[in-house]
Amino acid sequence: MNASDLRTLDDKGLLLRQQDLLGQMTSVKFQQATGQLDNTATVKTIRRGLARVNTLIREREIAQGLTQGGLAAAVGPIEAEGSAFAAFRKFMGQGE
């Protein structure tokens, strides 16, 4: 997903995308550590995608006059149904 596609997402969608990328990064890191990862370029792709999302989140926070991390607080809790990573956290008993 490129930056122009990410800009079309609303705040909640952008935060959900961030959660999904964090979950993918965790999964890929485990695969890499256990030697199961076939394409090591996947780590770089996910890391860059996460950087794009984090940049857009910070841009929106600055535009709205929020402090860093304020967009997540303004949007509120993310339901487990919307994000694979949030669903995993809820399954593991760490969700809200």
Protein backbone atom coordinates (compact mmCIF):
# COMPACT_ATOMS: atom_id res chain seq x y z
CA MET A 1 0.00 0.00 0.00
CA ASN A 2 1.53 3.30 -1.04
CA ALA A 3 1.18 6.66 0.68
CA SER A 4 -1.61 7.93 -1.60
CA ASP A 5 -3.73 4.88 -0.76
CA LEU A 6 -3.04 5.34 2.94
CA ARG A 7 -4.07 9.01 2.79
CA THR A 8 -7.58 7.93 1.75
CA LEU A 9 -8.06 6.04 5.03
CA ASP A 10 -9.74 7.71 7.98
CA ASP A 11 -8.00 7.96 11.35
CA LYS A 12 -9.36 4.68 12.66
CA GLY A 13 -8.48 2.86 9.44
CA LEU A 14 -4.94 4.18 9.64
CA LEU A 15 -4.57 3.00 13.24
CA LEU A 16 -5.98 -0.41 12.27
CA ARG A 17 -3.44 -0.62 9.44
CA GLN A 18 -0.68 0.21 11.94
CA GLN A 19 -1.85 -2.60 14.24
CA ASP A 20 -1.96 -5.06 11.33
CA LEU A 21 1.56 -4.13 10.23
CA LEU A 22 2.85 -4.52 13.80
CA GLY A 23 1.31 -7.99 13.90
CA GLN A 24 2.82 -8.89 10.55
CA MET A 25 6.21 -7.63 11.68
CA THR A 26 6.03 -9.77 14.80
CA SER A 27 5.09 -12.82 12.77
CA VAL A 28 7.83 -12.25 10.20
CA LYS A 29 10.45 -11.69 12.91
CA PHE A 30 9.52 -15.03 14.51
CA GLN A 31 9.70 -16.76 11.13
CA GLN A 32 13.09 -15.19 10.48
CA ALA A 33 14.42 -16.21 13.89
CA THR A 34 13.33 -19.82 13.41
CA GLY A 35 14.65 -20.02 9.85
CA GLN A 36 11.21 -20.41 8.25
CA LEU A 37 11.23 -17.12 6.32
CA ASP A 38 11.82 -17.68 2.61
CA ASN A 39 11.90 -14.07 1.42
CA THR A 40 13.93 -11.87 3.74
CA ALA A 41 12.92 -8.76 1.79
CA THR A 42 9.52 -9.07 3.50
CA VAL A 43 11.00 -7.57 6.67
CA LYS A 44 12.12 -4.47 4.76
CA THR A 45 8.77 -4.11 3.00
CA ILE A 46 6.77 -4.31 6.23
CA ARG A 47 9.16 -1.97 8.05
CA ARG A 48 8.81 0.66 5.31
CA GLY A 49 5.03 0.28 5.26
CA LEU A 50 4.95 0.78 9.02
CA ALA A 51 7.13 3.87 8.67
CA ARG A 52 4.71 5.30 6.08
CA VAL A 53 1.74 4.70 8.37
CA ASN A 54 3.52 6.19 11.39
CA THR A 55 4.45 9.27 9.35
CA LEU A 56 0.85 9.82 8.25
CA ILE A 57 -0.40 9.33 11.80
CA ARG A 58 2.05 11.94 13.07
CA GLU A 59 1.08 14.34 10.26
CA ARG A 60 -2.55 14.06 11.28
CA GLU A 61 -1.68 14.59 14.94
CA ILE A 62 0.21 17.77 14.08
CA ALA A 63 -2.63 18.98 11.84
CA GLN A 64 -5.15 18.44 14.65
CA GLY A 65 -2.89 19.97 17.28
CA LEU A 66 -2.49 16.74 19.22
CA THR A 67 0.54 15.50 21.09
CA GLN A 68 2.37 12.42 19.91
CA GLY A 69 0.12 9.41 20.48
CA GLY A 70 -2.91 11.69 20.74
CA LEU A 71 -4.61 10.36 17.62
CA ALA A 72 -5.05 6.92 19.17
CA ALA A 73 -6.54 8.52 22.29
CA ALA A 74 -8.85 10.70 20.19
CA VAL A 75 -10.13 7.74 18.14
CA GLY A 76 -10.64 5.53 21.17
CA PRO A 77 -10.18 1.80 21.60
CA ILE A 78 -9.84 -0.34 18.50
CA GLU A 79 -12.19 -3.31 18.40
CA ALA A 80 -10.64 -6.74 17.97
CA GLU A 81 -12.80 -7.39 14.92
CA GLY A 82 -11.09 -4.63 12.95
CA SER A 83 -7.46 -5.67 13.35
CA ALA A 84 -5.77 -9.04 13.28
CA PHE A 85 -3.20 -7.86 15.81
CA ALA A 86 -5.89 -6.49 18.14
CA ALA A 87 -7.78 -9.79 17.84
CA PHE A 88 -4.60 -11.66 18.79
CA ARG A 89 -4.09 -9.40 21.83
CA LYS A 90 -7.70 -9.97 22.89
CA PHE A 91 -7.28 -13.72 22.43
CA MET A 92 -4.16 -13.66 24.60
CA GLY A 93 -6.00 -11.75 27.30
CA GLN A 94 -4.22 -8.44 26.78
CA GLY A 95 -7.05 -6.64 24.99
CA GLU A 96 -9.31 -4.01 26.42
